[in-house]
Amino acid sequence: MNVGPQWSPTVWKQVTDSSQGCHFIKLYEKREKQLSLSNKSKSYPQAQTYRWKRKVSAADESTSKSAKSSYGNEAIQCKDDIAAPF
């Protein structure tokens, strides 16, 4: 059962057999409005493009000093301390 922002008011009514208070109702009306505005802004093509660019830039190879010393061609290779008797 997925009723979105009205989940708590619906459950409140089923569990307590009473109506919610005015502050409770205002809070969930506010959250419902925020959710609809958020979904609306996320659906704009420009927002989708920015989201894709952030995803791609985060997936790029790291170029920090510590990343270069730990990975890649310049990585420091560990050597065995003791030769194996095999």
N, C-alpha and C. Protein backbone atom coordinates (compact mmCIF):
# COMPACT_ATOMS: atom_id res chain seq x y z
N MET A 1 0.85 -1.18 0.00
CA MET A 1 0.00 0.00 0.00
C MET A 1 0.89 1.24 0.00
N ASN A 2 0.82 2.02 -1.05
CA ASN A 2 1.61 3.24 -1.15
C ASN A 2 0.68 4.41 -1.39
N VAL A 3 0.49 5.22 -0.35
CA VAL A 3 -0.41 6.36 -0.48
C VAL A 3 0.35 7.68 -0.43
N GLY A 4 1.66 7.64 -0.56
CA GLY A 4 2.46 8.86 -0.64
C GLY A 4 2.45 9.68 0.63
N PRO A 5 2.37 11.00 0.49
CA PRO A 5 2.44 11.88 1.66
C PRO A 5 1.27 11.69 2.62
N GLN A 6 0.19 11.12 2.17
CA GLN A 6 -0.97 10.92 3.03
C GLN A 6 -0.89 9.62 3.83
N TRP A 7 0.28 8.97 3.82
CA TRP A 7 0.43 7.71 4.53
C TRP A 7 0.11 7.85 6.01
N SER A 8 0.72 8.80 6.69
CA SER A 8 0.50 8.94 8.13
C SER A 8 -0.92 9.31 8.49
N PRO A 9 -1.57 10.27 7.80
CA PRO A 9 -2.97 10.54 8.14
C PRO A 9 -3.88 9.32 7.96
N THR A 10 -3.63 8.55 6.91
CA THR A 10 -4.45 7.36 6.66
C THR A 10 -4.24 6.33 7.77
N VAL A 11 -3.00 6.08 8.11
CA VAL A 11 -2.68 5.12 9.17
C VAL A 11 -3.20 5.61 10.51
N TRP A 12 -3.06 6.90 10.78
CA TRP A 12 -3.56 7.49 12.03
C TRP A 12 -5.04 7.18 12.20
N LYS A 13 -5.79 7.39 11.13
CA LYS A 13 -7.24 7.19 11.20
C LYS A 13 -7.57 5.71 11.41
N GLN A 14 -6.85 4.82 10.74
CA GLN A 14 -7.12 3.39 10.87
C GLN A 14 -6.76 2.88 12.27
N VAL A 15 -5.67 3.37 12.82
CA VAL A 15 -5.19 2.87 14.11
C VAL A 15 -5.96 3.45 15.28
N THR A 16 -6.20 4.75 15.26
CA THR A 16 -6.81 5.41 16.42
C THR A 16 -8.31 5.60 16.32
N ASP A 17 -8.89 5.40 15.17
CA ASP A 17 -10.32 5.65 14.93
C ASP A 17 -10.71 7.07 15.33
N SER A 18 -9.80 8.01 15.13
CA SER A 18 -10.11 9.42 15.39
C SER A 18 -9.48 10.26 14.28
N SER A 19 -9.90 11.50 14.21
CA SER A 19 -9.34 12.38 13.18
C SER A 19 -8.06 13.04 13.69
N GLN A 20 -7.24 13.48 12.76
CA GLN A 20 -5.99 14.11 13.11
C GLN A 20 -6.24 15.56 13.54
N GLY A 21 -5.26 16.15 14.21
CA GLY A 21 -5.34 17.55 14.60
C GLY A 21 -5.01 18.46 13.43
N CYS A 22 -5.28 19.75 13.60
CA CYS A 22 -5.06 20.70 12.51
C CYS A 22 -3.57 20.83 12.17
N HIS A 23 -2.69 20.77 13.16
CA HIS A 23 -1.25 20.88 12.89
C HIS A 23 -0.75 19.66 12.12
N PHE A 24 -1.28 18.51 12.46
CA PHE A 24 -0.92 17.27 11.78
C PHE A 24 -1.32 17.35 10.31
N ILE A 25 -2.53 17.82 10.06
CA ILE A 25 -3.03 17.92 8.69
C ILE A 25 -2.23 18.96 7.90
N LYS A 26 -1.93 20.11 8.52
CA LYS A 26 -1.15 21.16 7.84
C LYS A 26 0.23 20.65 7.44
N LEU A 27 0.85 19.90 8.32
CA LEU A 27 2.17 19.36 8.04
C LEU A 27 2.14 18.48 6.80
N TYR A 28 1.16 17.60 6.71
CA TYR A 28 1.12 16.69 5.57
C TYR A 28 0.64 17.36 4.30
N GLU A 29 -0.15 18.41 4.40
CA GLU A 29 -0.49 19.19 3.21
C GLU A 29 0.76 19.90 2.69
N LYS A 30 1.57 20.41 3.62
CA LYS A 30 2.82 21.08 3.25
C LYS A 30 3.77 20.09 2.58
N ARG A 31 3.89 18.89 3.14
CA ARG A 31 4.78 17.87 2.56
C ARG A 31 4.30 17.42 1.19
N GLU A 32 3.00 17.33 1.01
CA GLU A 32 2.45 16.93 -0.28
C GLU A 32 2.77 17.99 -1.33
N LYS A 33 2.66 19.26 -0.95
CA LYS A 33 2.98 20.35 -1.87
C LYS A 33 4.46 20.33 -2.21
N GLN A 34 5.33 20.13 -1.20
CA GLN A 34 6.77 20.06 -1.44
C GLN A 34 7.12 18.92 -2.39
N LEU A 35 6.47 17.78 -2.20
CA LEU A 35 6.73 16.62 -3.05
C LEU A 35 6.34 16.90 -4.50
N SER A 36 5.18 17.51 -4.70
CA SER A 36 4.74 17.79 -6.07
C SER A 36 5.66 18.82 -6.74
N LEU A 37 6.08 19.85 -5.99
CA LEU A 37 7.00 20.84 -6.56
C LEU A 37 8.36 20.23 -6.86
N SER A 38 8.81 19.34 -5.99
CA SER A 38 10.09 18.68 -6.21
C SER A 38 10.05 17.81 -7.46
N ASN A 39 8.98 17.04 -7.61
CA ASN A 39 8.84 16.19 -8.80
C ASN A 39 8.73 17.03 -10.06
N LYS A 40 8.07 18.18 -9.96
CA LYS A 40 7.91 19.06 -11.11
C LYS A 40 9.27 19.62 -11.53
N SER A 41 10.05 20.09 -10.56
CA SER A 41 11.36 20.68 -10.90
C SER A 41 12.33 19.62 -11.41
N LYS A 42 12.24 18.39 -10.90
CA LYS A 42 13.12 17.32 -11.36
C LYS A 42 12.80 16.89 -12.79
N SER A 43 11.58 17.16 -13.25
CA SER A 43 11.19 16.70 -14.57
C SER A 43 11.65 17.63 -15.69
N TYR A 44 12.15 18.83 -15.36
CA TYR A 44 12.62 19.75 -16.39
C TYR A 44 13.85 19.16 -17.07
N PRO A 45 13.95 19.30 -18.40
CA PRO A 45 15.11 18.75 -19.12
C PRO A 45 16.44 19.31 -18.63
N GLN A 46 16.45 20.59 -18.26
CA GLN A 46 17.69 21.20 -17.78
C GLN A 46 18.15 20.54 -16.48
N ALA A 47 17.22 20.26 -15.59
CA ALA A 47 17.55 19.61 -14.32
C ALA A 47 18.06 18.20 -14.57
N GLN A 48 17.45 17.51 -15.53
CA GLN A 48 17.90 16.16 -15.85
C GLN A 48 19.32 16.18 -16.43
N THR A 49 19.62 17.20 -17.24
CA THR A 49 20.96 17.33 -17.81
C THR A 49 21.99 17.58 -16.72
N TYR A 50 21.68 18.48 -15.79
CA TYR A 50 22.60 18.76 -14.69
C TYR A 50 22.84 17.51 -13.85
N ARG A 51 21.76 16.75 -13.60
CA ARG A 51 21.88 15.53 -12.81
C ARG A 51 22.79 14.53 -13.51
N TRP A 52 22.65 14.41 -14.83
CA TRP A 52 23.48 13.49 -15.61
C TRP A 52 24.94 13.94 -15.58
N LYS A 53 25.18 15.26 -15.72
CA LYS A 53 26.55 15.78 -15.69
C LYS A 53 27.21 15.53 -14.35
N ARG A 54 26.47 15.70 -13.25
CA ARG A 54 27.02 15.42 -11.93
C ARG A 54 27.39 13.95 -11.79
N LYS A 55 26.53 13.08 -12.31
CA LYS A 55 26.77 11.64 -12.23
C LYS A 55 28.03 11.27 -13.01
N VAL A 56 28.17 11.82 -14.20
CA VAL A 56 29.31 11.50 -15.04
C VAL A 56 30.59 12.06 -14.45
N SER A 57 30.55 13.29 -13.94
CA SER A 57 31.76 13.89 -13.38
C SER A 57 32.21 13.16 -12.12
N ALA A 58 31.27 12.63 -11.36
CA ALA A 58 31.62 11.88 -10.15
C ALA A 58 32.25 10.54 -10.51
N ALA A 59 31.91 10.02 -11.68
CA ALA A 59 32.43 8.72 -12.10
C ALA A 59 33.79 8.83 -12.78
N ASP A 60 34.23 10.06 -13.07
CA ASP A 60 35.54 10.25 -13.71
C ASP A 60 36.66 9.75 -12.80
N GLU A 61 37.78 9.48 -13.42
CA GLU A 61 38.95 9.01 -12.66
C GLU A 61 39.42 10.11 -11.72
N SER A 62 39.71 9.74 -10.52
CA SER A 62 40.17 10.70 -9.53
C SER A 62 41.60 11.12 -9.84
N THR A 63 41.87 12.42 -9.71
CA THR A 63 43.20 12.93 -10.03
C THR A 63 43.88 13.53 -8.81
N SER A 64 43.41 13.21 -7.62
CA SER A 64 44.05 13.74 -6.42
C SER A 64 45.41 13.07 -6.21
N LYS A 65 46.25 13.72 -5.43
CA LYS A 65 47.60 13.21 -5.18
C LYS A 65 47.57 11.83 -4.51
N SER A 66 46.68 11.69 -3.52
CA SER A 66 46.61 10.40 -2.82
C SER A 66 46.07 9.30 -3.73
N ALA A 67 45.15 9.64 -4.63
CA ALA A 67 44.61 8.63 -5.54
C ALA A 67 45.68 8.18 -6.53
N LYS A 68 46.50 9.11 -6.98
CA LYS A 68 47.56 8.73 -7.92
C LYS A 68 48.61 7.85 -7.27
N SER A 69 48.90 8.11 -5.98
CA SER A 69 49.91 7.29 -5.31
C SER A 69 49.38 5.91 -4.93
N SER A 70 48.07 5.77 -4.85
CA SER A 70 47.49 4.49 -4.45
C SER A 70 47.07 3.63 -5.63
N TYR A 71 46.75 4.27 -6.77
CA TYR A 71 46.25 3.54 -7.93
C TYR A 71 46.97 4.02 -9.18
N GLY A 72 46.91 3.23 -10.24
CA GLY A 72 47.43 3.64 -11.53
C GLY A 72 48.90 3.31 -11.72
N ASN A 73 49.53 3.99 -12.70
CA ASN A 73 50.92 3.70 -13.08
C ASN A 73 51.91 4.09 -12.00
N GLU A 74 51.60 5.13 -11.24
CA GLU A 74 52.53 5.63 -10.23
C GLU A 74 52.31 5.00 -8.86
N ALA A 75 51.52 3.97 -8.78
CA ALA A 75 51.21 3.35 -7.49
C ALA A 75 52.44 2.69 -6.89
N ILE A 76 52.55 2.78 -5.59
CA ILE A 76 53.66 2.16 -4.87
C ILE A 76 53.35 0.67 -4.70
N GLN A 77 54.27 -0.17 -5.17
CA GLN A 77 54.05 -1.61 -5.10
C GLN A 77 54.67 -2.16 -3.81
N CYS A 78 53.94 -3.00 -3.13
CA CYS A 78 54.44 -3.63 -1.91
C CYS A 78 55.36 -4.80 -2.29
N LYS A 79 56.43 -4.95 -1.53
CA LYS A 79 57.36 -6.06 -1.75
C LYS A 79 57.27 -6.99 -0.55
N ASP A 80 57.48 -8.27 -0.81
CA ASP A 80 57.44 -9.25 0.27
C ASP A 80 58.61 -9.02 1.22
N ASP A 81 58.35 -9.11 2.51
CA ASP A 81 59.39 -8.94 3.52
C ASP A 81 60.29 -10.18 3.61
N ILE A 82 59.66 -11.34 3.52
CA ILE A 82 60.38 -12.60 3.67
C ILE A 82 60.13 -13.43 2.42
N ALA A 83 61.18 -14.00 1.89
CA ALA A 83 61.04 -14.84 0.72
C ALA A 83 60.35 -16.14 1.12
N ALA A 84 59.45 -16.60 0.31
CA ALA A 84 58.73 -17.84 0.59
C ALA A 84 59.66 -19.03 0.36
N PRO A 85 59.62 -20.05 1.23
CA PRO A 85 60.52 -21.21 1.09
C PRO A 85 60.10 -22.15 -0.03
N PHE A 86 59.04 -21.90 -0.70
CA PHE A 86 58.56 -22.83 -1.73
C PHE A 86 59.31 -22.71 -3.00
